C-alpha atoms as a PDB file:
ATOM      1  CA  MET A   1      -0.105   0.070  -0.199  1.00  0.00           C
ATOM      2  CA  PHE A   2       2.837   2.813   0.679  1.00  0.00           C
ATOM      3  CA  CYS A   3       6.426   2.583   1.288  1.00  0.00           C
ATOM      4  CA  GLN A   4       8.144   4.986   3.400  1.00  0.00           C
ATOM      5  CA  GLN A   5      11.546   6.259   1.807  1.00  0.00           C
ATOM      6  CA  ALA A   6      14.067   9.218   3.084  1.00  0.00           C
ATOM      7  CA  ASP A   7      17.829   9.161   2.578  1.00  0.00           C
ATOM      8  CA  ASP A   8      18.543  10.230   6.183  1.00  0.00           C
ATOM      9  CA  ALA A   9      16.380   7.851   7.685  1.00  0.00           C
ATOM     10  CA  GLU A  10      16.319   4.196   8.991  1.00  0.00           C
ATOM     11  CA  PRO A  11      14.303   1.409   7.123  1.00  0.00           C
ATOM     12  CA  SER A  12      10.862   1.193   8.072  1.00  0.00           C
ATOM     13  CA  GLU A  13       9.972  -1.915  10.415  1.00  0.00           C
ATOM     14  CA  PRO A  14       6.667  -3.556  10.895  1.00  0.00           C
ATOM     15  CA  PHE A  15       4.394  -1.909  14.019  1.00  0.00           C
ATOM     16  CA  GLU A  16       3.365  -5.087  15.999  1.00  0.00           C
ATOM     17  CA  VAL A  17      -0.295  -4.975  15.930  1.00  0.00           C
ATOM     18  CA  LYS A  18      -2.325  -7.486  13.941  1.00  0.00           C
ATOM     19  CA  VAL A  19      -2.894  -7.441  10.424  1.00  0.00           C
ATOM     20  CA  PRO A  20      -5.616  -7.679   9.061  1.00  0.00           C
ATOM     21  CA  GLN A  21      -8.088  -6.269  11.668  1.00  0.00           C
ATOM     22  CA  TYR A  22     -11.282  -4.297  11.286  1.00  0.00           C
ATOM     23  CA  ALA A  23     -11.032  -0.583  11.800  1.00  0.00           C
ATOM     24  CA  ILE A  24     -12.586   2.795  12.139  1.00  0.00           C
ATOM     25  CA  TRP A  25     -10.743   5.802  10.185  1.00  0.00           C
ATOM     26  CA  HIS A  26     -11.578   9.086  11.393  1.00  0.00           C
ATOM     27  CA  GLU A  27     -11.528  11.513   9.005  1.00  0.00           C
ATOM     28  CA  ALA A  28     -10.460  15.392   9.539  1.00  0.00           C
ATOM     29  CA  ASP A  29     -13.948  16.396   9.129  1.00  0.00           C
ATOM     30  CA  GLY A  30     -15.397  14.120  11.614  1.00  0.00           C
ATOM     31  CA  ALA A  31     -16.505  11.091   9.502  1.00  0.00           C
ATOM     32  CA  ASP A  32     -16.179   7.335  10.921  1.00  0.00           C
ATOM     33  CA  VAL A  33     -15.152   5.494   7.783  1.00  0.00           C
ATOM     34  CA  PRO A  34     -15.315   1.647   8.006  1.00  0.00           C
ATOM     35  CA  ALA A  35     -12.288   0.088   7.094  1.00  0.00           C
ATOM     36  CA  ILE A  36      -9.835  -2.847   7.212  1.00  0.00           C
ATOM     37  CA  LEU A  37      -5.719  -2.382   8.332  1.00  0.00           C
ATOM     38  CA  ILE A  38      -3.937  -4.014   5.983  1.00  0.00           C
ATOM     39  CA  GLN A  39      -0.389  -2.324   6.502  1.00  0.00           C
ATOM     40  CA  ALA A  40       1.481  -0.915   9.750  1.00  0.00           C
ATOM     41  CA  GLU A  41       5.020   0.317  10.177  1.00  0.00           C
ATOM     42  CA  HIS A  42       6.953   2.607  12.350  1.00  0.00           C
ATOM     43  CA  HIS A  43       7.335   5.859  11.171  1.00  0.00           C
ATOM     44  CA  ILE A  44      10.923   5.991   9.771  1.00  0.00           C
ATOM     45  CA  THR A  45      11.967   9.487  11.146  1.00  0.00           C
ATOM     46  CA  ASP A  46       9.912   9.214  15.133  1.00  0.00           C
ATOM     47  CA  ARG A  47      10.256   5.678  15.751  1.00  0.00           C
ATOM     48  CA  ASP A  48       8.487   6.167  18.888  1.00  0.00           C
ATOM     49  CA  GLY A  49       5.894   8.580  17.679  1.00  0.00           C
ATOM     50  CA  ASP A  50       2.616   7.455  16.092  1.00  0.00           C
ATOM     51  CA  ALA A  51       3.069   4.527  13.313  1.00  0.00           C
ATOM     52  CA  VAL A  52       1.732   4.761  10.137  1.00  0.00           C
ATOM     53  CA  PHE A  53      -1.449   2.683   8.907  1.00  0.00           C
ATOM     54  CA  GLY A  54      -2.566   1.422   5.097  1.00  0.00           C
ATOM     55  CA  LEU A  55      -5.934   1.079   5.186  1.00  0.00           C
ATOM     56  CA  ARG A  56      -8.720  -0.195   2.762  1.00  0.00           C
ATOM     57  CA  THR A  57     -11.808   0.742   2.780  1.00  0.00           C
ATOM     58  CA  LEU A  58     -14.923  -1.055   2.125  1.00  0.00           C
ATOM     59  CA  ASP A  59     -15.771   1.064  -0.887  1.00  0.00           C
ATOM     60  CA  GLY A  60     -11.972  -0.126  -2.140  1.00  0.00           C
ATOM     61  CA  HIS A  61     -10.244   2.835  -1.621  1.00  0.00           C
ATOM     62  CA  GLY A  62      -6.596   3.093  -0.343  1.00  0.00           C
ATOM     63  CA  VAL A  63      -5.969   5.818   2.868  1.00  0.00           C
ATOM     64  CA  VAL A  64      -2.668   6.409   4.597  1.00  0.00           C
ATOM     65  CA  THR A  65      -2.806   7.947   7.859  1.00  0.00           C
ATOM     66  CA  ASP A  66      -1.193   7.533  11.465  1.00  0.00           C
ATOM     67  CA  SER A  67      -2.542   5.472  14.108  1.00  0.00           C
ATOM     68  CA  SER A  68      -3.807   8.324  16.348  1.00  0.00           C
ATOM     69  CA  GLU A  69      -6.746   8.688  13.311  1.00  0.00           C
ATOM     70  CA  VAL A  70      -7.546   5.031  13.707  1.00  0.00           C
ATOM     71  CA  SER A  71      -9.739   2.965  16.219  1.00  0.00           C
ATOM     72  CA  LEU A  72      -8.857  -0.723  15.708  1.00  0.00           C
ATOM     73  CA  LEU A  73     -11.603  -3.255  16.340  1.00  0.00           C
ATOM     74  CA  GLY A  74     -10.228  -6.411  16.161  1.00  0.00           C
ATOM     75  CA  GLU A  75     -10.409  -9.499  14.156  1.00  0.00           C
ATOM     76  CA  GLN A  76     -14.032 -10.394  14.691  1.00  0.00           C
ATOM     77  CA  ALA A  77     -16.523  -8.398  12.269  1.00  0.00           C
ATOM     78  CA  PRO A  78     -18.447  -5.820  14.236  1.00  0.00           C
ATOM     79  CA  ASN A  79     -21.763  -6.439  14.840  1.00  0.00           C
ATOM     80  CA  ALA A  80     -21.355  -9.752  14.184  1.00  0.00           C
END
């Protein structure tokens, strides 16, 4: 979904969270969008900061965002 690159940064490393799993992406406009977490990495320039998440929305769009904008819901389908 995404590839982090910078000449002066460490290589990216996986963020330790279960992938895939259900999630809600909290958009800047206040909308909550159901999605699936498909990629999670530590940020290459701030390893201790927010992780970088790759999401796929239920209508098929790809989203790259930081972990502060996402609520993880686990592997079981919500309302199942």
